[in-house]
Amino acid sequence: MKRILGALLGLLSAQVCCVIGIQVEQSPPDLILQEGANSTLRCNYSATVSNLQWFHQNPWGQLINLFYIPSGTKQNGRLSATTVTSERYSLLHISSSQTTDSGIYFCAVEPQYSPGTCSLYTNPQLGSVPLPVTTTSRGHLSSICIA
């Protein structure tokens, strides 16, 4: 399952090839809850994004896409997510937690850019020398254990 997760994260990275310096921070990093408790995870990001998704990896390694939520609020059963684009954060709320909610949660973002402003070349008239592509996404996963 690590291979699939690596491939997915690689795919998301490839989509942001022209963006440098976005930081993603998630909190809390670890959480232990009693069954039936509520919890909220927060994802802060440092640039305007065109895509934000929440994922859950259960204890058996299965990766589940919970929400695609670039802005606004969505609900699916006991889970809800809200993204506030003007303040650059998203929340994932779990109501009445169950043991099946245990696992690792993380958000993934795709920074917004204008195709006209993104160039992989220093100066096409001087020989089209490619620039190195750099992304510096930093993130934290949130681990939840329901007892």
C-alpha atoms as a PDB file:
ATOM      1  CA  MET A   1       0.000   0.000   0.000  1.00  0.00           C
ATOM      2  CA  LYS A   2       2.958   2.338   0.554  1.00  0.00           C
ATOM      3  CA  ARG A   3       3.691   2.052  -3.152  1.00  0.00           C
ATOM      4  CA  ILE A   4       0.175   3.292  -4.032  1.00  0.00           C
ATOM      5  CA  LEU A   5       0.420   6.171  -1.552  1.00  0.00           C
ATOM      6  CA  GLY A   6       3.818   7.143  -2.964  1.00  0.00           C
ATOM      7  CA  ALA A   7       2.448   7.048  -6.481  1.00  0.00           C
ATOM      8  CA  LEU A   8      -0.521   9.207  -5.504  1.00  0.00           C
ATOM      9  CA  LEU A   9       1.612  11.787  -3.717  1.00  0.00           C
ATOM     10  CA  GLY A  10       3.985  11.774  -6.680  1.00  0.00           C
ATOM     11  CA  LEU A  11       1.054  12.458  -8.978  1.00  0.00           C
ATOM     12  CA  LEU A  12      -0.093  15.366  -6.827  1.00  0.00           C
ATOM     13  CA  SER A  13       3.455  16.760  -6.795  1.00  0.00           C
ATOM     14  CA  ALA A  14       3.685  16.538 -10.556  1.00  0.00           C
ATOM     15  CA  GLN A  15       0.589  18.725 -10.881  1.00  0.00           C
ATOM     16  CA  VAL A  16       2.297  21.565  -8.973  1.00  0.00           C
ATOM     17  CA  CYS A  17       5.548  21.491 -10.899  1.00  0.00           C
ATOM     18  CA  CYS A  18       5.727  25.232 -11.468  1.00  0.00           C
ATOM     19  CA  VAL A  19       4.973  26.367  -7.933  1.00  0.00           C
ATOM     20  CA  ILE A  20       7.743  27.008  -5.438  1.00  0.00           C
ATOM     21  CA  GLY A  21       7.426  27.386  -1.685  1.00  0.00           C
ATOM     22  CA  ILE A  22       3.961  26.285  -0.606  1.00  0.00           C
ATOM     23  CA  GLN A  23       3.809  25.053   2.957  1.00  0.00           C
ATOM     24  CA  VAL A  24       1.064  22.823   4.362  1.00  0.00           C
ATOM     25  CA  GLU A  25       0.706  22.274   8.088  1.00  0.00           C
ATOM     26  CA  GLN A  26      -1.795  20.038   9.802  1.00  0.00           C
ATOM     27  CA  SER A  27      -2.873  19.861  13.441  1.00  0.00           C
ATOM     28  CA  PRO A  28      -3.142  18.127  15.774  1.00  0.00           C
ATOM     29  CA  PRO A  29      -0.432  15.609  14.813  1.00  0.00           C
ATOM     30  CA  ASP A  30      -1.749  12.861  17.127  1.00  0.00           C
ATOM     31  CA  LEU A  31      -5.125  12.347  18.733  1.00  0.00           C
ATOM     32  CA  ILE A  32      -6.519   9.629  20.996  1.00  0.00           C
ATOM     33  CA  LEU A  33     -10.296   9.683  21.356  1.00  0.00           C
ATOM     34  CA  GLN A  34     -12.929   7.712  23.172  1.00  0.00           C
ATOM     35  CA  GLU A  35     -15.478   6.090  20.901  1.00  0.00           C
ATOM     36  CA  GLY A  36     -18.361   8.525  20.350  1.00  0.00           C
ATOM     37  CA  ALA A  37     -16.231  11.667  20.778  1.00  0.00           C
ATOM     38  CA  ASN A  38     -16.000  14.448  18.187  1.00  0.00           C
ATOM     39  CA  SER A  39     -12.764  15.761  16.703  1.00  0.00           C
ATOM     40  CA  THR A  40     -11.599  18.413  14.267  1.00  0.00           C
ATOM     41  CA  LEU A  41      -8.418  18.426  12.190  1.00  0.00           C
ATOM     42  CA  ARG A  42      -7.040  21.626  10.688  1.00  0.00           C
ATOM     43  CA  CYS A  43      -4.993  22.092   7.523  1.00  0.00           C
ATOM     44  CA  ASN A  44      -3.267  25.464   6.966  1.00  0.00           C
ATOM     45  CA  TYR A  45      -1.624  26.306   3.643  1.00  0.00           C
ATOM     46  CA  SER A  46       0.536  29.249   2.606  1.00  0.00           C
ATOM     47  CA  ALA A  47      -0.673  29.989  -0.935  1.00  0.00           C
ATOM     48  CA  THR A  48      -3.891  30.200  -2.923  1.00  0.00           C
ATOM     49  CA  VAL A  49      -4.998  26.709  -3.943  1.00  0.00           C
ATOM     50  CA  SER A  50      -7.223  25.459  -6.732  1.00  0.00           C
ATOM     51  CA  ASN A  51      -7.758  22.027  -5.203  1.00  0.00           C
ATOM     52  CA  LEU A  52      -7.876  20.716  -1.648  1.00  0.00           C
ATOM     53  CA  GLN A  53      -8.612  17.113  -0.713  1.00  0.00           C
ATOM     54  CA  TRP A  54      -8.849  15.204   2.561  1.00  0.00           C
ATOM     55  CA  PHE A  55      -7.667  11.591   2.737  1.00  0.00           C
ATOM     56  CA  HIS A  56      -7.869   8.809   5.338  1.00  0.00           C
ATOM     57  CA  GLN A  57      -5.503   5.854   5.439  1.00  0.00           C
ATOM     58  CA  ASN A  58      -7.013   3.167   7.656  1.00  0.00           C
ATOM     59  CA  PRO A  59      -4.925   0.815   9.841  1.00  0.00           C
ATOM     60  CA  TRP A  60      -4.919  -1.794   7.026  1.00  0.00           C
ATOM     61  CA  GLY A  61      -3.263   0.649   4.628  1.00  0.00           C
ATOM     62  CA  GLN A  62      -6.317   1.387   2.486  1.00  0.00           C
ATOM     63  CA  LEU A  63      -6.283   4.976   1.187  1.00  0.00           C
ATOM     64  CA  ILE A  64      -9.706   6.646   1.082  1.00  0.00           C
ATOM     65  CA  ASN A  65     -10.460   9.988  -0.573  1.00  0.00           C
ATOM     66  CA  LEU A  66     -12.864  11.669   1.850  1.00  0.00           C
ATOM     67  CA  PHE A  67     -13.500  15.053   0.254  1.00  0.00           C
ATOM     68  CA  TYR A  68     -12.604  17.163  -2.729  1.00  0.00           C
ATOM     69  CA  ILE A  69     -13.327  20.613  -1.333  1.00  0.00           C
ATOM     70  CA  PRO A  70     -11.640  23.635  -2.924  1.00  0.00           C
ATOM     71  CA  SER A  71     -14.039  25.933  -1.001  1.00  0.00           C
ATOM     72  CA  GLY A  72     -17.197  25.873   1.105  1.00  0.00           C
ATOM     73  CA  THR A  73     -18.594  23.025   3.210  1.00  0.00           C
ATOM     74  CA  LYS A  74     -19.463  19.423   2.388  1.00  0.00           C
ATOM     75  CA  GLN A  75     -20.861  16.653   4.550  1.00  0.00           C
ATOM     76  CA  ASN A  76     -20.827  12.889   4.146  1.00  0.00           C
ATOM     77  CA  GLY A  77     -22.450  11.034   7.024  1.00  0.00           C
ATOM     78  CA  ARG A  78     -20.557  11.735  10.255  1.00  0.00           C
ATOM     79  CA  LEU A  79     -17.782  13.584   8.405  1.00  0.00           C
ATOM     80  CA  SER A  80     -17.809  17.188   7.248  1.00  0.00           C
ATOM     81  CA  ALA A  81     -15.160  19.410   5.714  1.00  0.00           C
ATOM     82  CA  THR A  82     -14.935  23.172   5.353  1.00  0.00           C
ATOM     83  CA  THR A  83     -12.409  25.145   3.326  1.00  0.00           C
ATOM     84  CA  VAL A  84     -12.058  28.887   3.859  1.00  0.00           C
ATOM     85  CA  THR A  85     -10.015  30.064   0.878  1.00  0.00           C
ATOM     86  CA  SER A  86      -9.686  33.694   2.034  1.00  0.00           C
ATOM     87  CA  GLU A  87      -7.996  32.540   5.261  1.00  0.00           C
ATOM     88  CA  ARG A  88      -6.136  29.579   3.677  1.00  0.00           C
ATOM     89  CA  TYR A  89      -7.300  26.727   5.861  1.00  0.00           C
ATOM     90  CA  SER A  90      -9.545  23.685   5.829  1.00  0.00           C
ATOM     91  CA  LEU A  91     -11.177  21.741   8.654  1.00  0.00           C
ATOM     92  CA  LEU A  92     -12.174  18.083   8.788  1.00  0.00           C
ATOM     93  CA  HIS A  93     -14.738  17.308  11.494  1.00  0.00           C
ATOM     94  CA  ILE A  94     -15.527  13.761  12.659  1.00  0.00           C
ATOM     95  CA  SER A  95     -18.733  13.374  14.699  1.00  0.00           C
ATOM     96  CA  SER A  96     -19.470  10.434  16.999  1.00  0.00           C
ATOM     97  CA  SER A  97     -16.162   8.720  16.244  1.00  0.00           C
ATOM     98  CA  GLN A  98     -16.077   4.967  15.722  1.00  0.00           C
ATOM     99  CA  THR A  99     -13.177   2.519  15.855  1.00  0.00           C
ATOM    100  CA  THR A 100     -13.275   2.356  12.040  1.00  0.00           C
ATOM    101  CA  ASP A 101     -12.243   6.047  12.003  1.00  0.00           C
ATOM    102  CA  SER A 102      -8.798   5.139  13.379  1.00  0.00           C
ATOM    103  CA  GLY A 103      -5.886   5.808  11.048  1.00  0.00           C
ATOM    104  CA  ILE A 104      -3.914   8.591   9.424  1.00  0.00           C
ATOM    105  CA  TYR A 105      -5.623  11.678   7.998  1.00  0.00           C
ATOM    106  CA  PHE A 106      -4.052  14.239   5.692  1.00  0.00           C
ATOM    107  CA  CYS A 107      -4.930  17.043   3.365  1.00  0.00           C
ATOM    108  CA  ALA A 108      -3.388  17.534  -0.066  1.00  0.00           C
ATOM    109  CA  VAL A 109      -3.385  20.835  -1.939  1.00  0.00           C
ATOM    110  CA  GLU A 110      -2.728  21.897  -5.516  1.00  0.00           C
ATOM    111  CA  PRO A 111      -1.565  25.516  -5.666  1.00  0.00           C
ATOM    112  CA  GLN A 112      -3.282  27.817  -8.121  1.00  0.00           C
ATOM    113  CA  TYR A 113      -1.233  29.307 -10.914  1.00  0.00           C
ATOM    114  CA  SER A 114      -1.850  30.971 -14.231  1.00  0.00           C
ATOM    115  CA  PRO A 115      -0.534  28.988 -17.234  1.00  0.00           C
ATOM    116  CA  GLY A 116       0.670  32.231 -18.825  1.00  0.00           C
ATOM    117  CA  THR A 117       2.985  32.945 -15.896  1.00  0.00           C
ATOM    118  CA  CYS A 118       4.580  29.513 -15.686  1.00  0.00           C
ATOM    119  CA  SER A 119       7.657  28.843 -17.771  1.00  0.00           C
ATOM    120  CA  LEU A 120      10.161  26.007 -17.527  1.00  0.00           C
ATOM    121  CA  TYR A 121      12.728  27.904 -19.615  1.00  0.00           C
ATOM    122  CA  THR A 122      15.026  30.804 -18.729  1.00  0.00           C
ATOM    123  CA  ASN A 123      14.823  32.453 -22.148  1.00  0.00           C
ATOM    124  CA  PRO A 124      13.477  30.529 -25.155  1.00  0.00           C
ATOM    125  CA  GLN A 125      15.336  32.880 -27.547  1.00  0.00           C
ATOM    126  CA  LEU A 126      18.711  31.933 -26.051  1.00  0.00           C
ATOM    127  CA  GLY A 127      18.547  28.204 -26.528  1.00  0.00           C
ATOM    128  CA  SER A 128      15.610  27.079 -24.383  1.00  0.00           C
ATOM    129  CA  VAL A 129      17.616  26.030 -21.336  1.00  0.00           C
ATOM    130  CA  PRO A 130      15.305  24.210 -18.894  1.00  0.00           C
ATOM    131  CA  LEU A 131      15.194  25.405 -15.307  1.00  0.00           C
ATOM    132  CA  PRO A 132      15.144  22.864 -12.484  1.00  0.00           C
ATOM    133  CA  VAL A 133      11.628  22.280 -11.220  1.00  0.00           C
ATOM    134  CA  THR A 134      11.317  22.653  -7.453  1.00  0.00           C
ATOM    135  CA  THR A 135       8.457  22.176  -5.057  1.00  0.00           C
ATOM    136  CA  THR A 136       8.829  22.567  -1.313  1.00  0.00           C
ATOM    137  CA  SER A 137       5.646  21.243   0.187  1.00  0.00           C
ATOM    138  CA  ARG A 138       5.894  20.485   3.870  1.00  0.00           C
ATOM    139  CA  GLY A 139       3.128  18.732   5.694  1.00  0.00           C
ATOM    140  CA  HIS A 140       2.202  16.761   8.714  1.00  0.00           C
ATOM    141  CA  LEU A 141      -0.113  13.809   8.989  1.00  0.00           C
ATOM    142  CA  SER A 142      -2.685  13.493  11.728  1.00  0.00           C
ATOM    143  CA  SER A 143      -2.840  10.120  13.422  1.00  0.00           C
ATOM    144  CA  ILE A 144      -6.103   9.271  15.186  1.00  0.00           C
ATOM    145  CA  CYS A 145      -6.670   6.298  17.472  1.00  0.00           C
ATOM    146  CA  ILE A 146     -10.217   5.573  18.655  1.00  0.00           C
ATOM    147  CA  ALA A 147     -10.382   3.425  21.782  1.00  0.00           C
END
